[in-house]
């Protein structure tokens, strides 16, 4: 009898685009009932998008940031929003294309 340890099939993680899509869907669904959870999910999406280091991804990150801003305003967390955005801009000060996209989005 032949015995092998481990799974019969290799475990493959889903493509990043699928994971981000699902994460975005969950964040959108959580906006009304659980805005704090939605903010946390959007922050993850922001970091992932910036990590791709492409202008289109920076534009995507700016869109998520606009949603975070709206949620923070709605929940009375305006100061938290301002601190978060300031910290993000400091962290990525050497990313001029990102800074331009943030400026273009009115952030």
PDB file of N, CA and C in Angstrom:
ATOM      1  N   UNK A   1       0.833  -1.164   0.000  1.00  0.00           N
ATOM      2  CA  UNK A   1       0.000   0.000   0.000  1.00  0.00           C
ATOM      3  C   UNK A   1       0.892   1.246   0.000  1.00  0.00           C
ATOM      4  N   UNK A   2       0.599   2.144  -0.883  1.00  0.00           N
ATOM      5  CA  UNK A   2       1.362   3.375  -1.012  1.00  0.00           C
ATOM      6  C   UNK A   2       0.677   4.479  -0.212  1.00  0.00           C
ATOM      7  N   UNK A   3       1.436   5.150   0.646  1.00  0.00           N
ATOM      8  CA  UNK A   3       0.863   6.208   1.479  1.00  0.00           C
ATOM      9  C   UNK A   3       1.676   7.475   1.290  1.00  0.00           C
ATOM     10  N   UNK A   4       0.985   8.566   1.028  1.00  0.00           N
ATOM     11  CA  UNK A   4       1.646   9.862   0.895  1.00  0.00           C
ATOM     12  C   UNK A   4       1.041  10.831   1.893  1.00  0.00           C
ATOM     13  N   UNK A   5       1.905  11.573   2.544  1.00  0.00           N
ATOM     14  CA  UNK A   5       1.430  12.604   3.466  1.00  0.00           C
ATOM     15  C   UNK A   5       1.074  13.861   2.698  1.00  0.00           C
ATOM     16  N   UNK A   6       0.174  14.619   3.242  1.00  0.00           N
ATOM     17  CA  UNK A   6      -0.170  15.910   2.650  1.00  0.00           C
ATOM     18  C   UNK A   6      -1.391  15.809   1.778  1.00  0.00           C
ATOM     19  N   UNK A   7      -1.814  16.961   1.255  1.00  0.00           N
ATOM     20  CA  UNK A   7      -3.026  16.988   0.443  1.00  0.00           C
ATOM     21  C   UNK A   7      -2.815  16.322  -0.913  1.00  0.00           C
ATOM     22  N   UNK A   8      -3.892  15.834  -1.459  1.00  0.00           N
ATOM     23  CA  UNK A   8      -3.827  15.205  -2.773  1.00  0.00           C
ATOM     24  C   UNK A   8      -3.576  16.237  -3.862  1.00  0.00           C
ATOM     25  N   UNK A   9      -4.033  17.450  -3.622  1.00  0.00           N
ATOM     26  CA  UNK A   9      -3.850  18.518  -4.600  1.00  0.00           C
ATOM     27  C   UNK A   9      -3.115  19.672  -3.932  1.00  0.00           C
ATOM     28  N   UNK A  10      -2.258  20.338  -4.652  1.00  0.00           N
ATOM     29  CA  UNK A  10      -1.559  21.469  -4.036  1.00  0.00           C
ATOM     30  C   UNK A  10      -2.544  22.587  -3.709  1.00  0.00           C
ATOM     31  N   UNK A  11      -2.252  23.286  -2.657  1.00  0.00           N
ATOM     32  CA  UNK A  11      -3.098  24.405  -2.258  1.00  0.00           C
ATOM     33  C   UNK A  11      -2.617  25.632  -3.013  1.00  0.00           C
ATOM     34  N   UNK A  12      -3.517  26.230  -3.731  1.00  0.00           N
ATOM     35  CA  UNK A  12      -3.191  27.402  -4.531  1.00  0.00           C
ATOM     36  C   UNK A  12      -4.023  28.562  -4.025  1.00  0.00           C
ATOM     37  N   UNK A  13      -3.349  29.668  -3.724  1.00  0.00           N
ATOM     38  CA  UNK A  13      -4.104  30.834  -3.270  1.00  0.00           C
ATOM     39  C   UNK A  13      -4.755  31.502  -4.476  1.00  0.00           C
ATOM     40  N   UNK A  14      -5.885  32.147  -4.256  1.00  0.00           N
ATOM     41  CA  UNK A  14      -6.571  32.796  -5.379  1.00  0.00           C
ATOM     42  C   UNK A  14      -5.744  33.959  -5.901  1.00  0.00           C
ATOM     43  N   UNK A  15      -5.924  34.319  -7.163  1.00  0.00           N
ATOM     44  CA  UNK A  15      -5.195  35.457  -7.705  1.00  0.00           C
ATOM     45  C   UNK A  15      -5.513  36.715  -6.909  1.00  0.00           C
ATOM     46  N   UNK A  16      -4.542  37.606  -6.833  1.00  0.00           N
ATOM     47  CA  UNK A  16      -4.721  38.831  -6.051  1.00  0.00           C
ATOM     48  C   UNK A  16      -5.933  39.624  -6.518  1.00  0.00           C
ATOM     49  N   UNK A  17      -6.170  39.646  -7.819  1.00  0.00           N
ATOM     50  CA  UNK A  17      -7.300  40.437  -8.323  1.00  0.00           C
ATOM     51  C   UNK A  17      -8.628  39.893  -7.791  1.00  0.00           C
ATOM     52  N   UNK A  18      -8.747  38.578  -7.658  1.00  0.00           N
ATOM     53  CA  UNK A  18      -9.970  37.995  -7.117  1.00  0.00           C
ATOM     54  C   UNK A  18     -10.092  38.316  -5.636  1.00  0.00           C
ATOM     55  N   UNK A  19      -8.992  38.188  -4.912  1.00  0.00           N
ATOM     56  CA  UNK A  19      -9.012  38.499  -3.480  1.00  0.00           C
ATOM     57  C   UNK A  19      -9.400  39.954  -3.250  1.00  0.00           C
ATOM     58  N   UNK A  20      -8.832  40.857  -4.036  1.00  0.00           N
ATOM     59  CA  UNK A  20      -9.146  42.283  -3.886  1.00  0.00           C
ATOM     60  C   UNK A  20     -10.586  42.562  -4.254  1.00  0.00           C
ATOM     61  N   UNK A  21     -11.064  41.893  -5.273  1.00  0.00           N
ATOM     62  CA  UNK A  21     -12.462  42.068  -5.676  1.00  0.00           C
ATOM     63  C   UNK A  21     -13.387  41.674  -4.532  1.00  0.00           C
ATOM     64  N   UNK A  22     -13.129  40.523  -3.942  1.00  0.00           N
ATOM     65  CA  UNK A  22     -13.969  40.046  -2.837  1.00  0.00           C
ATOM     66  C   UNK A  22     -13.840  40.947  -1.617  1.00  0.00           C
ATOM     67  N   UNK A  23     -12.632  41.402  -1.342  1.00  0.00           N
ATOM     68  CA  UNK A  23     -12.416  42.301  -0.212  1.00  0.00           C
ATOM     69  C   UNK A  23     -13.183  43.606  -0.423  1.00  0.00           C
ATOM     70  N   UNK A  24     -13.139  44.112  -1.651  1.00  0.00           N
ATOM     71  CA  UNK A  24     -13.884  45.326  -1.981  1.00  0.00           C
ATOM     72  C   UNK A  24     -15.382  45.133  -1.845  1.00  0.00           C
ATOM     73  N   UNK A  25     -15.861  43.971  -2.259  1.00  0.00           N
ATOM     74  CA  UNK A  25     -17.298  43.678  -2.128  1.00  0.00           C
ATOM     75  C   UNK A  25     -17.711  43.631  -0.661  1.00  0.00           C
ATOM     76  N   UNK A  26     -16.873  43.009   0.173  1.00  0.00           N
ATOM     77  CA  UNK A  26     -17.176  42.931   1.599  1.00  0.00           C
ATOM     78  C   UNK A  26     -17.165  44.317   2.224  1.00  0.00           C
ATOM     79  N   UNK A  27     -16.198  45.126   1.830  1.00  0.00           N
ATOM     80  CA  UNK A  27     -16.123  46.488   2.375  1.00  0.00           C
ATOM     81  C   UNK A  27     -17.373  47.272   1.988  1.00  0.00           C
ATOM     82  N   UNK A  28     -17.770  47.171   0.734  1.00  0.00           N
ATOM     83  CA  UNK A  28     -18.963  47.874   0.279  1.00  0.00           C
ATOM     84  C   UNK A  28     -20.207  47.436   1.024  1.00  0.00           C
ATOM     85  N   UNK A  29     -20.312  46.141   1.278  1.00  0.00           N
ATOM     86  CA  UNK A  29     -21.476  45.612   1.994  1.00  0.00           C
ATOM     87  C   UNK A  29     -21.480  46.047   3.458  1.00  0.00           C
ATOM     88  N   UNK A  30     -20.299  46.258   4.014  1.00  0.00           N
ATOM     89  CA  UNK A  30     -20.195  46.606   5.435  1.00  0.00           C
ATOM     90  C   UNK A  30     -20.374  48.099   5.693  1.00  0.00           C
ATOM     91  N   UNK A  31     -20.356  48.918   4.654  1.00  0.00           N
ATOM     92  CA  UNK A  31     -20.383  50.365   4.838  1.00  0.00           C
ATOM     93  C   UNK A  31     -21.542  50.848   5.702  1.00  0.00           C
ATOM     94  N   UNK A  32     -22.723  50.321   5.477  1.00  0.00           N
ATOM     95  CA  UNK A  32     -23.906  50.830   6.181  1.00  0.00           C
ATOM     96  C   UNK A  32     -23.992  50.328   7.621  1.00  0.00           C
ATOM     97  N   UNK A  33     -23.854  49.028   7.806  1.00  0.00           N
ATOM     98  CA  UNK A  33     -24.053  48.429   9.128  1.00  0.00           C
ATOM     99  C   UNK A  33     -22.799  48.441   9.997  1.00  0.00           C
ATOM    100  N   UNK A  34     -21.635  48.310   9.378  1.00  0.00           N
ATOM    101  CA  UNK A  34     -20.386  48.215  10.143  1.00  0.00           C
ATOM    102  C   UNK A  34     -19.310  49.082   9.495  1.00  0.00           C
ATOM    103  N   UNK A  35     -19.466  50.407   9.554  1.00  0.00           N
ATOM    104  CA  UNK A  35     -18.532  51.286   8.853  1.00  0.00           C
ATOM    105  C   UNK A  35     -17.080  51.164   9.325  1.00  0.00           C
ATOM    106  N   UNK A  36     -16.875  50.860  10.599  1.00  0.00           N
ATOM    107  CA  UNK A  36     -15.500  50.711  11.094  1.00  0.00           C
ATOM    108  C   UNK A  36     -14.807  49.526  10.420  1.00  0.00           C
ATOM    109  N   UNK A  37     -15.556  48.441  10.219  1.00  0.00           N
ATOM    110  CA  UNK A  37     -14.994  47.281   9.526  1.00  0.00           C
ATOM    111  C   UNK A  37     -14.726  47.608   8.062  1.00  0.00           C
ATOM    112  N   UNK A  38     -15.631  48.365   7.456  1.00  0.00           N
ATOM    113  CA  UNK A  38     -15.438  48.762   6.059  1.00  0.00           C
ATOM    114  C   UNK A  38     -14.188  49.619   5.924  1.00  0.00           C
ATOM    115  N   UNK A  39     -13.974  50.524   6.860  1.00  0.00           N
ATOM    116  CA  UNK A  39     -12.776  51.373   6.833  1.00  0.00           C
ATOM    117  C   UNK A  39     -11.521  50.517   6.894  1.00  0.00           C
ATOM    118  N   UNK A  40     -11.511  49.540   7.784  1.00  0.00           N
ATOM    119  CA  UNK A  40     -10.336  48.656   7.910  1.00  0.00           C
ATOM    120  C   UNK A  40     -10.079  47.892   6.611  1.00  0.00           C
ATOM    121  N   UNK A  41     -11.128  47.405   5.985  1.00  0.00           N
ATOM    122  CA  UNK A  41     -10.973  46.684   4.721  1.00  0.00           C
ATOM    123  C   UNK A  41     -10.467  47.606   3.621  1.00  0.00           C
ATOM    124  N   UNK A  42     -11.014  48.814   3.552  1.00  0.00           N
ATOM    125  CA  UNK A  42     -10.554  49.765   2.539  1.00  0.00           C
ATOM    126  C   UNK A  42      -9.091  50.139   2.757  1.00  0.00           C
ATOM    127  N   UNK A  43      -8.673  50.238   4.009  1.00  0.00           N
ATOM    128  CA  UNK A  43      -7.259  50.541   4.282  1.00  0.00           C
ATOM    129  C   UNK A  43      -6.357  49.438   3.755  1.00  0.00           C
ATOM    130  N   UNK A  44      -6.777  48.194   3.895  1.00  0.00           N
ATOM    131  CA  UNK A  44      -6.009  47.074   3.325  1.00  0.00           C
ATOM    132  C   UNK A  44      -5.917  47.203   1.811  1.00  0.00           C
ATOM    133  N   UNK A  45      -7.030  47.548   1.193  1.00  0.00           N
ATOM    134  CA  UNK A  45      -7.055  47.706  -0.259  1.00  0.00           C
ATOM    135  C   UNK A  45      -6.176  48.867  -0.708  1.00  0.00           C
ATOM    136  N   UNK A  46      -6.136  49.936   0.074  1.00  0.00           N
ATOM    137  CA  UNK A  46      -5.275  51.078  -0.247  1.00  0.00           C
ATOM    138  C   UNK A  46      -3.818  50.639  -0.269  1.00  0.00           C
ATOM    139  N   UNK A  47      -3.389  49.954   0.764  1.00  0.00           N
ATOM    140  CA  UNK A  47      -1.987  49.516   0.848  1.00  0.00           C
ATOM    141  C   UNK A  47      -1.636  48.553  -0.287  1.00  0.00           C
ATOM    142  N   UNK A  48      -2.550  47.659  -0.603  1.00  0.00           N
ATOM    143  CA  UNK A  48      -2.289  46.705  -1.680  1.00  0.00           C
ATOM    144  C   UNK A  48      -2.172  47.433  -3.011  1.00  0.00           C
ATOM    145  N   UNK A  49      -3.055  48.377  -3.251  1.00  0.00           N
ATOM    146  CA  UNK A  49      -3.033  49.111  -4.513  1.00  0.00           C
ATOM    147  C   UNK A  49      -1.741  49.919  -4.639  1.00  0.00           C
ATOM    148  N   UNK A  50      -1.347  50.601  -3.593  1.00  0.00           N
ATOM    149  CA  UNK A  50      -0.110  51.383  -3.628  1.00  0.00           C
ATOM    150  C   UNK A  50       1.079  50.465  -3.863  1.00  0.00           C
ATOM    151  N   UNK A  51       1.037  49.287  -3.299  1.00  0.00           N
ATOM    152  CA  UNK A  51       2.132  48.321  -3.462  1.00  0.00           C
ATOM    153  C   UNK A  51       2.339  47.871  -4.900  1.00  0.00           C
ATOM    154  N   UNK A  52       1.321  48.026  -5.739  1.00  0.00           N
ATOM    155  CA  UNK A  52       1.478  47.653  -7.158  1.00  0.00           C
ATOM    156  C   UNK A  52       2.303  48.666  -7.929  1.00  0.00           C
ATOM    157  N   UNK A  53       2.455  49.859  -7.385  1.00  0.00           N
ATOM    158  CA  UNK A  53       3.321  50.905  -7.941  1.00  0.00           C
ATOM    159  C   UNK A  53       3.052  51.215  -9.407  1.00  0.00           C
ATOM    160  N   UNK A  54       1.796  51.441  -9.711  1.00  0.00           N
ATOM    161  CA  UNK A  54       1.377  51.856 -11.050  1.00  0.00           C
ATOM    162  C   UNK A  54       0.366  52.982 -10.893  1.00  0.00           C
ATOM    163  N   UNK A  55       0.385  53.910 -11.838  1.00  0.00           N
ATOM    164  CA  UNK A  55      -0.508  55.068 -11.711  1.00  0.00           C
ATOM    165  C   UNK A  55      -1.975  54.647 -11.607  1.00  0.00           C
ATOM    166  N   UNK A  56      -2.381  53.673 -12.398  1.00  0.00           N
ATOM    167  CA  UNK A  56      -3.767  53.207 -12.314  1.00  0.00           C
ATOM    168  C   UNK A  56      -4.106  52.671 -10.934  1.00  0.00           C
ATOM    169  N   UNK A  57      -3.150  51.999 -10.312  1.00  0.00           N
ATOM    170  CA  UNK A  57      -3.361  51.479  -8.958  1.00  0.00           C
ATOM    171  C   UNK A  57      -3.417  52.623  -7.947  1.00  0.00           C
ATOM    172  N   UNK A  58      -2.640  53.682  -8.177  1.00  0.00           N
ATOM    173  CA  UNK A  58      -2.703  54.848  -7.294  1.00  0.00           C
ATOM    174  C   UNK A  58      -4.075  55.511  -7.401  1.00  0.00           C
ATOM    175  N   UNK A  59      -4.616  55.556  -8.608  1.00  0.00           N
ATOM    176  CA  UNK A  59      -5.957  56.118  -8.814  1.00  0.00           C
ATOM    177  C   UNK A  59      -6.992  55.262  -8.075  1.00  0.00           C
ATOM    178  N   UNK A  60      -6.808  53.952  -8.150  1.00  0.00           N
ATOM    179  CA  UNK A  60      -7.692  53.030  -7.421  1.00  0.00           C
ATOM    180  C   UNK A  60      -7.607  53.285  -5.915  1.00  0.00           C
ATOM    181  N   UNK A  61      -6.384  53.455  -5.403  1.00  0.00           N
ATOM    182  CA  UNK A  61      -6.180  53.736  -3.978  1.00  0.00           C
ATOM    183  C   UNK A  61      -6.871  55.043  -3.589  1.00  0.00           C
ATOM    184  N   UNK A  62      -6.789  56.054  -4.457  1.00  0.00           N
ATOM    185  CA  UNK A  62      -7.442  57.329  -4.179  1.00  0.00           C
ATOM    186  C   UNK A  62      -8.957  57.143  -4.076  1.00  0.00           C
ATOM    187  N   UNK A  63      -9.509  56.273  -4.904  1.00  0.00           N
ATOM    188  CA  UNK A  63     -10.942  55.987  -4.822  1.00  0.00           C
ATOM    189  C   UNK A  63     -11.315  55.348  -3.499  1.00  0.00           C
ATOM    190  N   UNK A  64     -10.501  54.406  -3.045  1.00  0.00           N
ATOM    191  CA  UNK A  64     -10.757  53.790  -1.738  1.00  0.00           C
ATOM    192  C   UNK A  64     -10.634  54.828  -0.629  1.00  0.00           C
ATOM    193  N   UNK A  65      -9.664  55.711  -0.768  1.00  0.00           N
ATOM    194  CA  UNK A  65      -9.477  56.745   0.245  1.00  0.00           C
ATOM    195  C   UNK A  65     -10.671  57.692   0.304  1.00  0.00           C
ATOM    196  N   UNK A  66     -11.266  57.981  -0.837  1.00  0.00           N
ATOM    197  CA  UNK A  66     -12.476  58.820  -0.842  1.00  0.00           C
ATOM    198  C   UNK A  66     -13.605  58.140  -0.069  1.00  0.00           C
ATOM    199  N   UNK A  67     -13.695  56.828  -0.210  1.00  0.00           N
ATOM    200  CA  UNK A  67     -14.735  56.093   0.532  1.00  0.00           C
ATOM    201  C   UNK A  67     -14.437  56.114   2.029  1.00  0.00           C
ATOM    202  N   UNK A  68     -13.156  55.959   2.377  1.00  0.00           N
ATOM    203  CA  UNK A  68     -12.772  56.027   3.794  1.00  0.00           C
ATOM    204  C   UNK A  68     -13.124  57.402   4.351  1.00  0.00           C
ATOM    205  N   UNK A  69     -12.805  58.448   3.602  1.00  0.00           N
ATOM    206  CA  UNK A  69     -13.101  59.813   4.052  1.00  0.00           C
ATOM    207  C   UNK A  69     -14.596  59.978   4.329  1.00  0.00           C
ATOM    208  N   UNK A  70     -15.415  59.507   3.399  1.00  0.00           N
ATOM    209  CA  UNK A  70     -16.871  59.617   3.566  1.00  0.00           C
ATOM    210  C   UNK A  70     -17.343  58.862   4.806  1.00  0.00           C
ATOM    211  N   UNK A  71     -16.826  57.657   4.997  1.00  0.00           N
ATOM    212  CA  UNK A  71     -17.228  56.865   6.160  1.00  0.00           C
ATOM    213  C   UNK A  71     -16.774  57.519   7.461  1.00  0.00           C
ATOM    214  N   UNK A  72     -15.570  58.070   7.462  1.00  0.00           N
ATOM    215  CA  UNK A  72     -15.080  58.739   8.672  1.00  0.00           C
ATOM    216  C   UNK A  72     -15.923  59.966   8.985  1.00  0.00           C
ATOM    217  N   UNK A  73     -16.323  60.710   7.962  1.00  0.00           N
ATOM    218  CA  UNK A  73     -17.179  61.873   8.190  1.00  0.00           C
ATOM    219  C   UNK A  73     -18.527  61.441   8.749  1.00  0.00           C
ATOM    220  N   UNK A  74     -19.053  60.352   8.201  1.00  0.00           N
ATOM    221  CA  UNK A  74     -20.362  59.877   8.636  1.00  0.00           C
ATOM    222  C   UNK A  74     -20.351  59.365  10.073  1.00  0.00           C
ATOM    223  N   UNK A  75     -19.225  58.809  10.494  1.00  0.00           N
ATOM    224  CA  UNK A  75     -19.138  58.242  11.844  1.00  0.00           C
ATOM    225  C   UNK A  75     -18.536  59.210  12.855  1.00  0.00           C
ATOM    226  N   UNK A  76     -18.231  60.422  12.420  1.00  0.00           N
ATOM    227  CA  UNK A  76     -17.662  61.403  13.338  1.00  0.00           C
ATOM    228  C   UNK A  76     -16.195  61.188  13.634  1.00  0.00           C
ATOM    229  N   UNK A  77     -15.497  60.513  12.750  1.00  0.00           N
ATOM    230  CA  UNK A  77     -14.076  60.224  12.952  1.00  0.00           C
ATOM    231  C   UNK A  77     -13.214  61.090  12.031  1.00  0.00           C
ATOM    232  N   UNK A  78     -13.568  62.356  11.909  1.00  0.00           N
ATOM    233  CA  UNK A  78     -12.860  63.267  11.017  1.00  0.00           C
ATOM    234  C   UNK A  78     -11.386  63.412  11.399  1.00  0.00           C
ATOM    235  N   UNK A  79     -11.105  63.504  12.688  1.00  0.00           N
ATOM    236  CA  UNK A  79      -9.716  63.645  13.134  1.00  0.00           C
ATOM    237  C   UNK A  79      -8.898  62.399  12.798  1.00  0.00           C
ATOM    238  N   UNK A  80      -9.505  61.229  12.985  1.00  0.00           N
ATOM    239  CA  UNK A  80      -8.830  59.977  12.624  1.00  0.00           C
ATOM    240  C   UNK A  80      -8.498  59.970  11.130  1.00  0.00           C
ATOM    241  N   UNK A  81      -9.440  60.440  10.311  1.00  0.00           N
ATOM    242  CA  UNK A  81      -9.225  60.501   8.865  1.00  0.00           C
ATOM    243  C   UNK A  81      -8.045  61.409   8.525  1.00  0.00           C
ATOM    244  N   UNK A  82      -8.034  62.592   9.122  1.00  0.00           N
ATOM    245  CA  UNK A  82      -6.967  63.543   8.839  1.00  0.00           C
ATOM    246  C   UNK A  82      -5.605  62.997   9.242  1.00  0.00           C
ATOM    247  N   UNK A  83      -5.548  62.331  10.394  1.00  0.00           N
ATOM    248  CA  UNK A  83      -4.294  61.713  10.848  1.00  0.00           C
ATOM    249  C   UNK A  83      -3.863  60.602   9.905  1.00  0.00           C
ATOM    250  N   UNK A  84      -4.815  59.783   9.485  1.00  0.00           N
ATOM    251  CA  UNK A  84      -4.504  58.662   8.587  1.00  0.00           C
ATOM    252  C   UNK A  84      -3.967  59.174   7.253  1.00  0.00           C
ATOM    253  N   UNK A  85      -4.641  60.154   6.662  1.00  0.00           N
ATOM    254  CA  UNK A  85      -4.201  60.668   5.373  1.00  0.00           C
ATOM    255  C   UNK A  85      -2.831  61.337   5.480  1.00  0.00           C
ATOM    256  N   UNK A  86      -2.610  62.102   6.541  1.00  0.00           N
ATOM    257  CA  UNK A  86      -1.314  62.755   6.737  1.00  0.00           C
ATOM    258  C   UNK A  86      -0.203  61.711   6.878  1.00  0.00           C
ATOM    259  N   UNK A  87      -0.464  60.656   7.630  1.00  0.00           N
ATOM    260  CA  UNK A  87       0.532  59.593   7.813  1.00  0.00           C
ATOM    261  C   UNK A  87       0.803  58.871   6.487  1.00  0.00           C
ATOM    262  N   UNK A  88      -0.253  58.648   5.715  1.00  0.00           N
ATOM    263  CA  UNK A  88      -0.094  57.976   4.418  1.00  0.00           C
ATOM    264  C   UNK A  88       0.747  58.836   3.474  1.00  0.00           C
ATOM    265  N   UNK A  89       0.471  60.124   3.451  1.00  0.00           N
ATOM    266  CA  UNK A  89       1.252  61.025   2.590  1.00  0.00           C
ATOM    267  C   UNK A  89       2.718  61.063   3.028  1.00  0.00           C
ATOM    268  N   UNK A  90       2.970  61.060   4.327  1.00  0.00           N
ATOM    269  CA  UNK A  90       4.361  61.042   4.815  1.00  0.00           C
ATOM    270  C   UNK A  90       5.048  59.734   4.445  1.00  0.00           C
ATOM    271  N   UNK A  91       4.336  58.638   4.614  1.00  0.00           N
ATOM    272  CA  UNK A  91       4.912  57.323   4.332  1.00  0.00           C
ATOM    273  C   UNK A  91       5.316  57.199   2.867  1.00  0.00           C
ATOM    274  N   UNK A  92       4.519  57.780   1.974  1.00  0.00           N
ATOM    275  CA  UNK A  92       4.766  57.651   0.542  1.00  0.00           C
ATOM    276  C   UNK A  92       5.163  58.980  -0.089  1.00  0.00           C
ATOM    277  N   UNK A  93       5.928  59.782   0.651  1.00  0.00           N
ATOM    278  CA  UNK A  93       6.327  61.094   0.171  1.00  0.00           C
ATOM    279  C   UNK A  93       7.156  60.998  -1.111  1.00  0.00           C
ATOM    280  N   UNK A  94       7.857  59.902  -1.312  1.00  0.00           N
ATOM    281  CA  UNK A  94       8.710  59.731  -2.495  1.00  0.00           C
ATOM    282  C   UNK A  94       7.987  59.050  -3.660  1.00  0.00           C
ATOM    283  N   UNK A  95       6.679  59.084  -3.626  1.00  0.00           N
ATOM    284  CA  UNK A  95       5.860  58.533  -4.706  1.00  0.00           C
ATOM    285  C   UNK A  95       5.092  59.689  -5.349  1.00  0.00           C
ATOM    286  N   UNK A  96       5.738  60.444  -6.228  1.00  0.00           N
ATOM    287  CA  UNK A  96       5.085  61.638  -6.775  1.00  0.00           C
ATOM    288  C   UNK A  96       3.796  61.338  -7.543  1.00  0.00           C
ATOM    289  N   UNK A  97       3.743  60.233  -8.260  1.00  0.00           N
ATOM    290  CA  UNK A  97       2.518  59.902  -9.005  1.00  0.00           C
ATOM    291  C   UNK A  97       1.360  59.644  -8.041  1.00  0.00           C
ATOM    292  N   UNK A  98       1.642  59.006  -6.926  1.00  0.00           N
ATOM    293  CA  UNK A  98       0.600  58.785  -5.915  1.00  0.00           C
ATOM    294  C   UNK A  98       0.133  60.123  -5.353  1.00  0.00           C
ATOM    295  N   UNK A  99       1.068  60.999  -5.020  1.00  0.00           N
ATOM    296  CA  UNK A  99       0.714  62.304  -4.475  1.00  0.00           C
ATOM    297  C   UNK A  99      -0.156  63.089  -5.465  1.00  0.00           C
ATOM    298  N   UNK A 100       0.172  62.979  -6.750  1.00  0.00           N
ATOM    299  CA  UNK A 100      -0.621  63.662  -7.781  1.00  0.00           C
ATOM    300  C   UNK A 100      -2.043  63.110  -7.836  1.00  0.00           C
ATOM    301  N   UNK A 101      -2.171  61.787  -7.741  1.00  0.00           N
ATOM    302  CA  UNK A 101      -3.511  61.179  -7.774  1.00  0.00           C
ATOM    303  C   UNK A 101      -4.322  61.582  -6.545  1.00  0.00           C
ATOM    304  N   UNK A 102      -3.665  61.659  -5.399  1.00  0.00           N
ATOM    305  CA  UNK A 102      -4.360  62.091  -4.178  1.00  0.00           C
ATOM    306  C   UNK A 102      -4.814  63.542  -4.318  1.00  0.00           C
ATOM    307  N   UNK A 103      -3.933  64.382  -4.854  1.00  0.00           N
ATOM    308  CA  UNK A 103      -4.301  65.782  -5.075  1.00  0.00           C
ATOM    309  C   UNK A 103      -5.459  65.885  -6.066  1.00  0.00           C
ATOM    310  N   UNK A 104      -5.385  65.096  -7.136  1.00  0.00           N
ATOM    311  CA  UNK A 104      -6.422  65.126  -8.158  1.00  0.00           C
ATOM    312  C   UNK A 104      -7.779  64.667  -7.633  1.00  0.00           C
ATOM    313  N   UNK A 105      -7.757  63.808  -6.620  1.00  0.00           N
ATOM    314  CA  UNK A 105      -9.007  63.322  -6.015  1.00  0.00           C
ATOM    315  C   UNK A 105      -9.502  64.253  -4.919  1.00  0.00           C
ATOM    316  N   UNK A 106      -8.789  65.339  -4.698  1.00  0.00           N
ATOM    317  CA  UNK A 106      -9.201  66.290  -3.661  1.00  0.00           C
ATOM    318  C   UNK A 106      -8.896  65.833  -2.261  1.00  0.00           C
ATOM    319  N   UNK A 107      -7.892  64.988  -2.142  1.00  0.00           N
ATOM    320  CA  UNK A 107      -7.519  64.483  -0.821  1.00  0.00           C
ATOM    321  C   UNK A 107      -6.318  65.278  -0.353  1.00  0.00           C
TER     322      UNK A 107
END
